[in-house]
């Protein structure tokens, strides 16, 4: 990929993004915000936690994105008896009585971690090492994962019995926490029509791994004005209970605020959000556009907020005012 300038490269990225959206729309009806944020996360080198009831096409969405991006894709169904070796792989004795490493399903570009809260913390942490370090360690040996590497974990908000909620430190590794809602009446009509008619659409490949890595690096080079950086850092500071910058709602309704990773993700997310809209530098509106899914899982409400029915989203919206 040779572009004469970075401006030309951003323009090319916009075209590729539009083509991606068109391919995904062949299979996925609606869910525009979720598709947009999932793609932003991939190009920002982040991971996504999808929260939604069963049957909202979470698996189909990931599969479709994998095909359109020309990437390898694996789905891991998390269950209470899943072991870390079922994710990262294991060593076996071969015919020559030597240990040989058999790679687990984590060795792919896109991983769908289905119902991540169904498995104990020991197994969850095996995936989380891969997310953070982009490598896995088995019997003291490190194995690097192929780039790009992206984890899309799903969580079912109902049936809390027999689940292991992700600790705050592990939630922090996800760039976005996206909430999937039921489709509208018209969207559901379209879904039913498409899925019961026997017609099948095929998804064309729009990008390859090399191009994705190029655009990931390009987006990081996008310049950001100081006032935009300041807005992002001040927004995160408002959530920090017991500090001079804390917002009054934070002091009243939160046990815990967001860490520096939130500020980093706000800026890289704003850069990508600006680029997909054809802008060469993000403004405050781009930070606002990604603030909710970046902050909602990084703040911890206290009992007063729960008693008064104030959600994480209500709090983030208040901080954004």
C-alpha atoms as a PDB file:
ATOM      1  CA  UNK A   1       0.000   0.000   0.000  1.00  0.00           C
ATOM      2  CA  UNK A   2       1.656   3.132  -1.176  1.00  0.00           C
ATOM      3  CA  UNK A   3      -0.189   6.356  -0.526  1.00  0.00           C
ATOM      4  CA  UNK A   4       1.448   9.640  -1.492  1.00  0.00           C
ATOM      5  CA  UNK A   5       0.431  11.268   1.796  1.00  0.00           C
ATOM      6  CA  UNK A   6      -1.249  10.461   5.089  1.00  0.00           C
ATOM      7  CA  UNK A   7      -4.249  12.553   4.019  1.00  0.00           C
ATOM      8  CA  UNK A   8      -4.676  10.306   0.971  1.00  0.00           C
ATOM      9  CA  UNK A   9      -4.313   7.248   3.222  1.00  0.00           C
ATOM     10  CA  UNK A  10      -7.100   8.508   5.546  1.00  0.00           C
ATOM     11  CA  UNK A  11      -9.325   9.055   2.478  1.00  0.00           C
ATOM     12  CA  UNK A  12      -8.602   5.477   1.380  1.00  0.00           C
ATOM     13  CA  UNK A  13      -9.473   4.290   4.908  1.00  0.00           C
ATOM     14  CA  UNK A  14     -12.875   6.044   4.704  1.00  0.00           C
ATOM     15  CA  UNK A  15     -13.649   4.221   1.431  1.00  0.00           C
ATOM     16  CA  UNK A  16     -12.628   0.857   2.906  1.00  0.00           C
ATOM     17  CA  UNK A  17     -14.742   1.537   5.998  1.00  0.00           C
ATOM     18  CA  UNK A  18     -17.815   2.301   3.842  1.00  0.00           C
ATOM     19  CA  UNK A  19     -17.257  -0.886   1.836  1.00  0.00           C
ATOM     20  CA  UNK A  20     -16.958  -2.863   5.097  1.00  0.00           C
ATOM     21  CA  UNK A  21     -20.235  -1.464   6.399  1.00  0.00           C
ATOM     22  CA  UNK A  22     -21.959  -2.360   3.112  1.00  0.00           C
ATOM     23  CA  UNK A  23     -20.711  -5.977   3.278  1.00  0.00           C
ATOM     24  CA  UNK A  24     -21.708  -6.387   6.929  1.00  0.00           C
ATOM     25  CA  UNK A  25     -25.182  -4.935   6.206  1.00  0.00           C
ATOM     26  CA  UNK A  26     -25.807  -7.826   3.746  1.00  0.00           C
ATOM     27  CA  UNK A  27     -26.005 -10.159   6.759  1.00  0.00           C
ATOM     28  CA  UNK A  28     -26.601  -7.994   9.849  1.00  0.00           C
ATOM     29  CA  UNK A  29     -29.821  -5.970   9.989  1.00  0.00           C
ATOM     30  CA  UNK A  30     -29.654  -2.774  12.061  1.00  0.00           C
ATOM     31  CA  UNK A  31     -27.293  -2.684  15.094  1.00  0.00           C
ATOM     32  CA  UNK A  32     -25.520   0.241  13.369  1.00  0.00           C
ATOM     33  CA  UNK A  33     -23.997   1.669  16.544  1.00  0.00           C
ATOM     34  CA  UNK A  34     -22.661  -1.748  17.637  1.00  0.00           C
ATOM     35  CA  UNK A  35     -21.151  -2.471  14.196  1.00  0.00           C
ATOM     36  CA  UNK A  36     -19.570   1.005  14.060  1.00  0.00           C
ATOM     37  CA  UNK A  37     -18.051   0.712  17.547  1.00  0.00           C
ATOM     38  CA  UNK A  38     -16.802  -2.839  16.939  1.00  0.00           C
ATOM     39  CA  UNK A  39     -14.965  -1.658  13.813  1.00  0.00           C
ATOM     40  CA  UNK A  40     -13.611   1.408  15.670  1.00  0.00           C
ATOM     41  CA  UNK A  41     -12.272  -0.956  18.331  1.00  0.00           C
ATOM     42  CA  UNK A  42     -10.566  -3.237  15.780  1.00  0.00           C
ATOM     43  CA  UNK A  43      -8.812  -0.300  14.089  1.00  0.00           C
ATOM     44  CA  UNK A  44      -7.905   1.164  17.509  1.00  0.00           C
ATOM     45  CA  UNK A  45      -6.298  -2.178  18.549  1.00  0.00           C
ATOM     46  CA  UNK A  46      -8.861  -2.604  21.341  1.00  0.00           C
ATOM     47  CA  UNK A  47     -11.152  -5.416  22.502  1.00  0.00           C
ATOM     48  CA  UNK A  48     -14.928  -5.382  22.944  1.00  0.00           C
ATOM     49  CA  UNK A  49     -17.283  -6.730  25.592  1.00  0.00           C
ATOM     50  CA  UNK A  50     -20.790  -7.233  24.145  1.00  0.00           C
ATOM     51  CA  UNK A  51     -23.637  -7.445  26.624  1.00  0.00           C
ATOM     52  CA  UNK A  52     -26.994  -8.665  25.365  1.00  0.00           C
ATOM     53  CA  UNK A  53     -29.648 -11.332  25.787  1.00  0.00           C
ATOM     54  CA  UNK A  54     -29.380 -14.501  23.620  1.00  0.00           C
ATOM     55  CA  UNK A  55     -30.500 -14.432  19.993  1.00  0.00           C
ATOM     56  CA  UNK A  56     -29.356 -10.919  19.042  1.00  0.00           C
ATOM     57  CA  UNK A  57     -26.840 -12.169  16.421  1.00  0.00           C
ATOM     58  CA  UNK A  58     -23.683 -11.550  18.458  1.00  0.00           C
ATOM     59  CA  UNK A  59     -21.961 -14.656  17.023  1.00  0.00           C
ATOM     60  CA  UNK A  60     -23.158 -13.885  13.493  1.00  0.00           C
ATOM     61  CA  UNK A  61     -21.856 -10.319  13.792  1.00  0.00           C
ATOM     62  CA  UNK A  62     -18.329 -11.470  14.709  1.00  0.00           C
ATOM     63  CA  UNK A  63     -18.305 -14.143  12.016  1.00  0.00           C
ATOM     64  CA  UNK A  64     -19.429 -11.614   9.369  1.00  0.00           C
ATOM     65  CA  UNK A  65     -16.818  -9.043  10.428  1.00  0.00           C
ATOM     66  CA  UNK A  66     -14.126 -11.748  10.296  1.00  0.00           C
ATOM     67  CA  UNK A  67     -15.090 -12.658   6.714  1.00  0.00           C
ATOM     68  CA  UNK A  68     -15.225  -9.026   5.531  1.00  0.00           C
ATOM     69  CA  UNK A  69     -11.812  -8.323   7.090  1.00  0.00           C
ATOM     70  CA  UNK A  70     -10.274 -11.489   5.632  1.00  0.00           C
ATOM     71  CA  UNK A  71      -9.132 -12.659   9.073  1.00  0.00           C
ATOM     72  CA  UNK A  72      -9.034 -16.053  10.790  1.00  0.00           C
ATOM     73  CA  UNK A  73     -11.768 -16.510  13.351  1.00  0.00           C
ATOM     74  CA  UNK A  74     -12.364 -18.876  16.288  1.00  0.00           C
ATOM     75  CA  UNK A  75     -15.253 -19.165  18.697  1.00  0.00           C
ATOM     76  CA  UNK A  76     -14.687 -20.381  22.253  1.00  0.00           C
ATOM     77  CA  UNK A  77     -17.790 -21.335  24.223  1.00  0.00           C
ATOM     78  CA  UNK A  78     -17.041 -20.583  27.871  1.00  0.00           C
ATOM     79  CA  UNK A  79     -18.450 -23.145  30.316  1.00  0.00           C
ATOM     80  CA  UNK A  80     -17.853 -23.799  34.055  1.00  0.00           C
ATOM     81  CA  UNK A  81     -15.580 -26.786  33.274  1.00  0.00           C
ATOM     82  CA  UNK A  82     -13.416 -25.040  30.622  1.00  0.00           C
ATOM     83  CA  UNK A  83      -9.688 -25.188  31.471  1.00  0.00           C
ATOM     84  CA  UNK A  84      -6.973 -22.641  30.526  1.00  0.00           C
ATOM     85  CA  UNK A  85      -5.360 -25.304  28.259  1.00  0.00           C
ATOM     86  CA  UNK A  86      -8.657 -25.490  26.294  1.00  0.00           C
ATOM     87  CA  UNK A  87      -7.993 -21.863  25.282  1.00  0.00           C
ATOM     88  CA  UNK A  88      -4.222 -21.495  24.887  1.00  0.00           C
ATOM     89  CA  UNK A  89      -3.296 -25.056  23.913  1.00  0.00           C
ATOM     90  CA  UNK A  90      -1.329 -27.857  25.537  1.00  0.00           C
ATOM     91  CA  UNK A  91       1.870 -29.859  25.258  1.00  0.00           C
ATOM     92  CA  UNK A  92       1.701 -33.524  24.224  1.00  0.00           C
ATOM     93  CA  UNK A  93       4.307 -36.254  23.796  1.00  0.00           C
ATOM     94  CA  UNK A  94       4.833 -37.050  20.119  1.00  0.00           C
ATOM     95  CA  UNK A  95       6.074 -40.349  18.586  1.00  0.00           C
ATOM     96  CA  UNK A  96       9.698 -39.343  19.208  1.00  0.00           C
ATOM     97  CA  UNK A  97       8.833 -38.909  22.902  1.00  0.00           C
ATOM     98  CA  UNK A  98       9.447 -35.182  22.659  1.00  0.00           C
ATOM     99  CA  UNK A  99       7.038 -32.533  23.931  1.00  0.00           C
ATOM    100  CA  UNK A 100       5.149 -30.826  21.148  1.00  0.00           C
ATOM    101  CA  UNK A 101       2.898 -27.775  21.584  1.00  0.00           C
ATOM    102  CA  UNK A 102      -0.597 -28.051  20.106  1.00  0.00           C
ATOM    103  CA  UNK A 103      -2.036 -24.562  19.633  1.00  0.00           C
ATOM    104  CA  UNK A 104      -5.419 -23.779  21.165  1.00  0.00           C
ATOM    105  CA  UNK A 105      -8.254 -21.753  19.614  1.00  0.00           C
ATOM    106  CA  UNK A 106      -6.772 -18.456  20.889  1.00  0.00           C
ATOM    107  CA  UNK A 107      -4.349 -18.624  17.921  1.00  0.00           C
ATOM    108  CA  UNK A 108      -6.534 -16.709  15.452  1.00  0.00           C
ATOM    109  CA  UNK A 109      -6.992 -13.040  14.502  1.00  0.00           C
ATOM    110  CA  UNK A 110     -10.524 -12.702  15.889  1.00  0.00           C
ATOM    111  CA  UNK A 111     -11.668 -14.589  18.982  1.00  0.00           C
ATOM    112  CA  UNK A 112     -15.290 -14.752  20.007  1.00  0.00           C
ATOM    113  CA  UNK A 113     -15.299 -15.505  23.740  1.00  0.00           C
ATOM    114  CA  UNK A 114     -18.915 -16.564  24.135  1.00  0.00           C
ATOM    115  CA  UNK A 115     -20.420 -16.006  27.606  1.00  0.00           C
ATOM    116  CA  UNK A 116     -17.092 -15.181  29.246  1.00  0.00           C
ATOM    117  CA  UNK A 117     -18.773 -14.865  32.660  1.00  0.00           C
ATOM    118  CA  UNK A 118     -19.726 -18.575  32.647  1.00  0.00           C
ATOM    119  CA  UNK A 119     -16.179 -19.738  33.368  1.00  0.00           C
ATOM    120  CA  UNK A 120     -14.079 -19.493  36.573  1.00  0.00           C
ATOM    121  CA  UNK A 121     -11.466 -16.690  37.006  1.00  0.00           C
ATOM    122  CA  UNK A 122      -8.514 -19.060  36.361  1.00  0.00           C
ATOM    123  CA  UNK A 123      -9.761 -19.707  32.820  1.00  0.00           C
ATOM    124  CA  UNK A 124     -10.830 -16.084  32.247  1.00  0.00           C
ATOM    125  CA  UNK A 125      -7.309 -14.922  33.107  1.00  0.00           C
ATOM    126  CA  UNK A 126      -5.782 -17.206  30.429  1.00  0.00           C
ATOM    127  CA  UNK A 127      -7.639 -15.211  27.788  1.00  0.00           C
ATOM    128  CA  UNK A 128      -6.872 -11.904  29.490  1.00  0.00           C
ATOM    129  CA  UNK A 129      -3.107 -12.522  29.330  1.00  0.00           C
ATOM    130  CA  UNK A 130      -3.463 -13.045  25.590  1.00  0.00           C
ATOM    131  CA  UNK A 131      -5.465  -9.789  25.280  1.00  0.00           C
ATOM    132  CA  UNK A 132      -2.906  -7.728  27.177  1.00  0.00           C
ATOM    133  CA  UNK A 133       0.422  -9.270  26.174  1.00  0.00           C
ATOM    134  CA  UNK A 134      -0.572 -10.555  22.686  1.00  0.00           C
ATOM    135  CA  UNK A 135       1.198 -13.782  23.663  1.00  0.00           C
ATOM    136  CA  UNK A 136       0.540 -16.910  25.744  1.00  0.00           C
ATOM    137  CA  UNK A 137       2.836 -18.815  28.097  1.00  0.00           C
ATOM    138  CA  UNK A 138       2.728 -22.613  28.261  1.00  0.00           C
ATOM    139  CA  UNK A 139       5.247 -24.618  30.348  1.00  0.00           C
ATOM    140  CA  UNK A 140       7.516 -21.572  30.600  1.00  0.00           C
ATOM    141  CA  UNK A 141       7.590 -20.984  26.821  1.00  0.00           C
ATOM    142  CA  UNK A 142       6.097 -17.826  25.296  1.00  0.00           C
ATOM    143  CA  UNK A 143       4.186 -18.034  22.014  1.00  0.00           C
ATOM    144  CA  UNK A 144       3.319 -14.859  20.144  1.00  0.00           C
ATOM    145  CA  UNK A 145      -0.143 -14.388  18.697  1.00  0.00           C
ATOM    146  CA  UNK A 146      -0.463 -13.303  15.103  1.00  0.00           C
ATOM    147  CA  UNK A 147      -1.405  -9.637  14.580  1.00  0.00           C
ATOM    148  CA  UNK A 148      -4.004  -8.230  14.237  1.00  0.00           C
ATOM    149  CA  UNK A 149      -5.474  -9.845  17.361  1.00  0.00           C
ATOM    150  CA  UNK A 150      -8.924  -8.913  18.595  1.00  0.00           C
ATOM    151  CA  UNK A 151     -11.165 -10.391  21.297  1.00  0.00           C
ATOM    152  CA  UNK A 152     -14.908  -9.972  21.254  1.00  0.00           C
ATOM    153  CA  UNK A 153     -16.345 -11.320  24.492  1.00  0.00           C
ATOM    154  CA  UNK A 154     -20.075 -11.709  25.075  1.00  0.00           C
ATOM    155  CA  UNK A 155     -21.887 -11.633  28.366  1.00  0.00           C
ATOM    156  CA  UNK A 156     -25.503 -12.507  29.061  1.00  0.00           C
ATOM    157  CA  UNK A 157     -27.031  -9.958  31.487  1.00  0.00           C
ATOM    158  CA  UNK A 158     -29.670 -12.398  32.740  1.00  0.00           C
ATOM    159  CA  UNK A 159     -29.278 -15.725  34.634  1.00  0.00           C
ATOM    160  CA  UNK A 160     -26.757 -14.579  37.198  1.00  0.00           C
ATOM    161  CA  UNK A 161     -26.664 -17.969  38.989  1.00  0.00           C
ATOM    162  CA  UNK A 162     -23.522 -19.953  38.271  1.00  0.00           C
ATOM    163  CA  UNK A 163     -21.690 -17.022  36.685  1.00  0.00           C
ATOM    164  CA  UNK A 164     -18.357 -15.434  37.560  1.00  0.00           C
ATOM    165  CA  UNK A 165     -18.524 -11.664  36.974  1.00  0.00           C
ATOM    166  CA  UNK A 166     -15.324 -10.204  35.522  1.00  0.00           C
ATOM    167  CA  UNK A 167     -13.324  -8.236  38.140  1.00  0.00           C
ATOM    168  CA  UNK A 168     -12.831  -4.487  37.493  1.00  0.00           C
ATOM    169  CA  UNK A 169      -9.141  -4.958  36.575  1.00  0.00           C
ATOM    170  CA  UNK A 170     -10.141  -7.431  33.862  1.00  0.00           C
ATOM    171  CA  UNK A 171     -13.042  -5.317  32.590  1.00  0.00           C
ATOM    172  CA  UNK A 172     -10.547  -2.462  32.161  1.00  0.00           C
ATOM    173  CA  UNK A 173      -8.810  -4.425  29.377  1.00  0.00           C
ATOM    174  CA  UNK A 174     -11.838  -4.072  27.125  1.00  0.00           C
ATOM    175  CA  UNK A 175     -11.859  -0.845  25.154  1.00  0.00           C
ATOM    176  CA  UNK A 176     -15.640  -0.819  24.700  1.00  0.00           C
ATOM    177  CA  UNK A 177     -18.565  -2.244  26.616  1.00  0.00           C
ATOM    178  CA  UNK A 178     -21.405  -2.346  24.065  1.00  0.00           C
ATOM    179  CA  UNK A 179     -25.021  -3.011  24.988  1.00  0.00           C
ATOM    180  CA  UNK A 180     -27.074  -4.838  22.370  1.00  0.00           C
ATOM    181  CA  UNK A 181     -30.738  -4.021  22.340  1.00  0.00           C
ATOM    182  CA  UNK A 182     -33.712  -5.736  20.718  1.00  0.00           C
ATOM    183  CA  UNK A 183     -34.264  -4.821  17.046  1.00  0.00           C
ATOM    184  CA  UNK A 184     -37.003  -2.359  16.095  1.00  0.00           C
ATOM    185  CA  UNK A 185     -40.260  -3.722  14.611  1.00  0.00           C
ATOM    186  CA  UNK A 186     -39.130  -3.025  11.007  1.00  0.00           C
ATOM    187  CA  UNK A 187     -35.683  -4.517  11.623  1.00  0.00           C
ATOM    188  CA  UNK A 188     -37.195  -7.666  13.101  1.00  0.00           C
ATOM    189  CA  UNK A 189     -39.542  -7.990  10.099  1.00  0.00           C
ATOM    190  CA  UNK A 190     -36.473  -7.788   7.835  1.00  0.00           C
ATOM    191  CA  UNK A 191     -34.539 -10.348   9.955  1.00  0.00           C
ATOM    192  CA  UNK A 192     -37.437 -12.829   9.799  1.00  0.00           C
ATOM    193  CA  UNK A 193     -37.865 -12.318   6.033  1.00  0.00           C
ATOM    194  CA  UNK A 194     -34.165 -12.888   5.345  1.00  0.00           C
ATOM    195  CA  UNK A 195     -33.703 -15.886   7.627  1.00  0.00           C
ATOM    196  CA  UNK A 196     -36.788 -17.837   6.600  1.00  0.00           C
ATOM    197  CA  UNK A 197     -36.634 -17.445   2.817  1.00  0.00           C
ATOM    198  CA  UNK A 198     -33.739 -19.798   2.023  1.00  0.00           C
ATOM    199  CA  UNK A 199     -31.806 -17.032   0.213  1.00  0.00           C
ATOM    200  CA  UNK A 200     -28.181 -16.730   1.301  1.00  0.00           C
ATOM    201  CA  UNK A 201     -25.858 -13.758   0.913  1.00  0.00           C
ATOM    202  CA  UNK A 202     -22.099 -14.147   0.685  1.00  0.00           C
ATOM    203  CA  UNK A 203     -19.726 -11.638   2.277  1.00  0.00           C
ATOM    204  CA  UNK A 204     -16.853 -10.345   0.153  1.00  0.00           C
ATOM    205  CA  UNK A 205     -13.438  -9.691   1.634  1.00  0.00           C
ATOM    206  CA  UNK A 206     -12.732  -5.942   1.795  1.00  0.00           C
ATOM    207  CA  UNK A 207      -9.378  -5.832   3.608  1.00  0.00           C
ATOM    208  CA  UNK A 208      -6.546  -8.171   4.540  1.00  0.00           C
ATOM    209  CA  UNK A 209      -4.393  -8.438   7.677  1.00  0.00           C
ATOM    210  CA  UNK A 210      -1.567  -6.347   6.193  1.00  0.00           C
ATOM    211  CA  UNK A 211      -3.916  -3.465   5.327  1.00  0.00           C
ATOM    212  CA  UNK A 212      -5.542  -3.577   8.777  1.00  0.00           C
ATOM    213  CA  UNK A 213      -2.118  -3.322  10.461  1.00  0.00           C
ATOM    214  CA  UNK A 214      -1.226  -0.403   8.163  1.00  0.00           C
ATOM    215  CA  UNK A 215      -4.435   1.490   9.024  1.00  0.00           C
ATOM    216  CA  UNK A 216      -4.006   0.753  12.754  1.00  0.00           C
ATOM    217  CA  UNK A 217      -0.586   2.469  12.634  1.00  0.00           C
ATOM    218  CA  UNK A 218      -1.899   5.301  10.448  1.00  0.00           C
ATOM    219  CA  UNK A 219      -4.714   6.149  12.878  1.00  0.00           C
ATOM    220  CA  UNK A 220      -2.287   6.395  15.801  1.00  0.00           C
ATOM    221  CA  UNK A 221      -0.344   9.078  13.898  1.00  0.00           C
ATOM    222  CA  UNK A 222      -3.403  11.356  13.595  1.00  0.00           C
ATOM    223  CA  UNK A 223      -2.641  14.636  15.415  1.00  0.00           C
ATOM    224  CA  UNK A 224      -4.797  15.747  18.362  1.00  0.00           C
ATOM    225  CA  UNK A 225      -5.226  19.340  19.557  1.00  0.00           C
ATOM    226  CA  UNK A 226      -4.340  20.057  23.211  1.00  0.00           C
ATOM    227  CA  UNK A 227      -7.888  21.186  24.057  1.00  0.00           C
ATOM    228  CA  UNK A 228      -9.224  17.761  22.922  1.00  0.00           C
ATOM    229  CA  UNK A 229      -6.621  15.916  25.019  1.00  0.00           C
ATOM    230  CA  UNK A 230      -7.489  18.150  27.964  1.00  0.00           C
ATOM    231  CA  UNK A 231     -11.221  17.446  27.570  1.00  0.00           C
ATOM    232  CA  UNK A 232     -10.618  13.661  27.597  1.00  0.00           C
ATOM    233  CA  UNK A 233      -8.310  13.700  30.633  1.00  0.00           C
ATOM    234  CA  UNK A 234     -10.602  16.076  32.593  1.00  0.00           C
ATOM    235  CA  UNK A 235     -13.621  13.897  31.790  1.00  0.00           C
ATOM    236  CA  UNK A 236     -11.880  10.836  33.261  1.00  0.00           C
ATOM    237  CA  UNK A 237     -10.664  12.859  36.269  1.00  0.00           C
ATOM    238  CA  UNK A 238     -14.308  13.768  37.053  1.00  0.00           C
ATOM    239  CA  UNK A 239     -15.021  10.096  37.830  1.00  0.00           C
ATOM    240  CA  UNK A 240     -12.271   9.767  40.462  1.00  0.00           C
ATOM    241  CA  UNK A 241     -13.806   9.771  43.907  1.00  0.00           C
ATOM    242  CA  UNK A 242     -11.922  11.643  46.618  1.00  0.00           C
ATOM    243  CA  UNK A 243      -9.787  13.751  44.255  1.00  0.00           C
ATOM    244  CA  UNK A 244      -9.892  17.529  43.724  1.00  0.00           C
ATOM    245  CA  UNK A 245     -11.261  17.063  40.178  1.00  0.00           C
ATOM    246  CA  UNK A 246     -14.120  14.716  41.203  1.00  0.00           C
ATOM    247  CA  UNK A 247     -17.609  15.660  39.997  1.00  0.00           C
ATOM    248  CA  UNK A 248     -20.196  15.971  42.788  1.00  0.00           C
ATOM    249  CA  UNK A 249     -22.123  13.008  41.347  1.00  0.00           C
ATOM    250  CA  UNK A 250     -18.937  10.907  41.495  1.00  0.00           C
ATOM    251  CA  UNK A 251     -18.483  11.694  45.194  1.00  0.00           C
ATOM    252  CA  UNK A 252     -22.149  10.943  45.829  1.00  0.00           C
ATOM    253  CA  UNK A 253     -22.744   7.843  43.681  1.00  0.00           C
ATOM    254  CA  UNK A 254     -19.415   6.109  42.966  1.00  0.00           C
ATOM    255  CA  UNK A 255     -17.108   3.800  44.905  1.00  0.00           C
ATOM    256  CA  UNK A 256     -14.448   3.863  42.205  1.00  0.00           C
ATOM    257  CA  UNK A 257     -13.542   5.882  39.102  1.00  0.00           C
ATOM    258  CA  UNK A 258     -11.762   5.212  35.805  1.00  0.00           C
ATOM    259  CA  UNK A 259      -7.986   4.783  35.443  1.00  0.00           C
ATOM    260  CA  UNK A 260      -5.522   6.227  32.872  1.00  0.00           C
ATOM    261  CA  UNK A 261      -6.427   3.519  30.328  1.00  0.00           C
ATOM    262  CA  UNK A 262      -9.790   5.277  29.924  1.00  0.00           C
ATOM    263  CA  UNK A 263      -8.048   8.513  28.833  1.00  0.00           C
ATOM    264  CA  UNK A 264      -5.867   6.605  26.355  1.00  0.00           C
ATOM    265  CA  UNK A 265      -8.869   4.825  24.834  1.00  0.00           C
ATOM    266  CA  UNK A 266     -10.883   8.076  24.635  1.00  0.00           C
ATOM    267  CA  UNK A 267      -8.139   9.622  22.486  1.00  0.00           C
ATOM    268  CA  UNK A 268      -7.427   6.644  20.204  1.00  0.00           C
ATOM    269  CA  UNK A 269     -11.194   6.027  19.902  1.00  0.00           C
ATOM    270  CA  UNK A 270     -11.760   9.703  19.012  1.00  0.00           C
ATOM    271  CA  UNK A 271      -9.010   9.527  16.352  1.00  0.00           C
ATOM    272  CA  UNK A 272     -10.641   6.508  14.690  1.00  0.00           C
ATOM    273  CA  UNK A 273     -14.140   8.012  15.037  1.00  0.00           C
ATOM    274  CA  UNK A 274     -12.896  11.188  13.332  1.00  0.00           C
ATOM    275  CA  UNK A 275     -11.184   9.225  10.541  1.00  0.00           C
ATOM    276  CA  UNK A 276     -14.277   7.179   9.614  1.00  0.00           C
ATOM    277  CA  UNK A 277     -16.104  10.483   9.170  1.00  0.00           C
ATOM    278  CA  UNK A 278     -13.367  11.775   6.856  1.00  0.00           C
ATOM    279  CA  UNK A 279     -11.802  14.202   9.367  1.00  0.00           C
ATOM    280  CA  UNK A 280      -8.016  14.476   9.693  1.00  0.00           C
ATOM    281  CA  UNK A 281      -8.016  15.343  13.396  1.00  0.00           C
ATOM    282  CA  UNK A 282     -10.546  14.613  16.180  1.00  0.00           C
ATOM    283  CA  UNK A 283     -12.483  17.296  18.036  1.00  0.00           C
ATOM    284  CA  UNK A 284     -14.352  17.231  21.350  1.00  0.00           C
ATOM    285  CA  UNK A 285     -17.461  15.808  19.634  1.00  0.00           C
ATOM    286  CA  UNK A 286     -15.464  12.696  18.663  1.00  0.00           C
ATOM    287  CA  UNK A 287     -14.434  12.167  22.299  1.00  0.00           C
ATOM    288  CA  UNK A 288     -18.088  12.543  23.366  1.00  0.00           C
ATOM    289  CA  UNK A 289     -19.152   9.997  20.721  1.00  0.00           C
ATOM    290  CA  UNK A 290     -17.011   7.224  22.231  1.00  0.00           C
ATOM    291  CA  UNK A 291     -17.224   8.242  25.927  1.00  0.00           C
ATOM    292  CA  UNK A 292     -20.227   6.136  26.962  1.00  0.00           C
ATOM    293  CA  UNK A 293     -19.011   2.658  25.858  1.00  0.00           C
ATOM    294  CA  UNK A 294     -15.477   3.444  27.135  1.00  0.00           C
ATOM    295  CA  UNK A 295     -16.477   4.674  30.604  1.00  0.00           C
ATOM    296  CA  UNK A 296     -19.581   2.661  31.528  1.00  0.00           C
ATOM    297  CA  UNK A 297     -17.636  -0.425  32.659  1.00  0.00           C
ATOM    298  CA  UNK A 298     -14.820   1.529  34.330  1.00  0.00           C
ATOM    299  CA  UNK A 299     -16.869   3.180  37.071  1.00  0.00           C
ATOM    300  CA  UNK A 300     -18.255   1.320  40.081  1.00  0.00           C
ATOM    301  CA  UNK A 301     -21.522   2.571  41.577  1.00  0.00           C
ATOM    302  CA  UNK A 302     -22.188   2.581  45.315  1.00  0.00           C
ATOM    303  CA  UNK A 303     -25.343   1.345  47.070  1.00  0.00           C
ATOM    304  CA  UNK A 304     -26.840   4.874  47.017  1.00  0.00           C
ATOM    305  CA  UNK A 305     -26.762   4.947  43.187  1.00  0.00           C
ATOM    306  CA  UNK A 306     -28.342   1.483  43.049  1.00  0.00           C
ATOM    307  CA  UNK A 307     -31.033   2.467  45.570  1.00  0.00           C
ATOM    308  CA  UNK A 308     -31.903   5.600  43.567  1.00  0.00           C
ATOM    309  CA  UNK A 309     -31.862   3.698  40.253  1.00  0.00           C
ATOM    310  CA  UNK A 310     -28.993   5.720  38.785  1.00  0.00           C
ATOM    311  CA  UNK A 311     -27.143   3.705  36.128  1.00  0.00           C
ATOM    312  CA  UNK A 312     -23.537   3.967  34.915  1.00  0.00           C
ATOM    313  CA  UNK A 313     -24.848   5.565  31.712  1.00  0.00           C
ATOM    314  CA  UNK A 314     -26.754   8.233  33.692  1.00  0.00           C
ATOM    315  CA  UNK A 315     -23.536   9.090  35.517  1.00  0.00           C
ATOM    316  CA  UNK A 316     -21.404   9.302  32.348  1.00  0.00           C
ATOM    317  CA  UNK A 317     -24.024  11.545  30.693  1.00  0.00           C
ATOM    318  CA  UNK A 318     -23.936  13.816  33.753  1.00  0.00           C
ATOM    319  CA  UNK A 319     -20.108  14.019  33.586  1.00  0.00           C
ATOM    320  CA  UNK A 320     -20.352  14.922  29.869  1.00  0.00           C
ATOM    321  CA  UNK A 321     -22.630  17.919  30.474  1.00  0.00           C
END
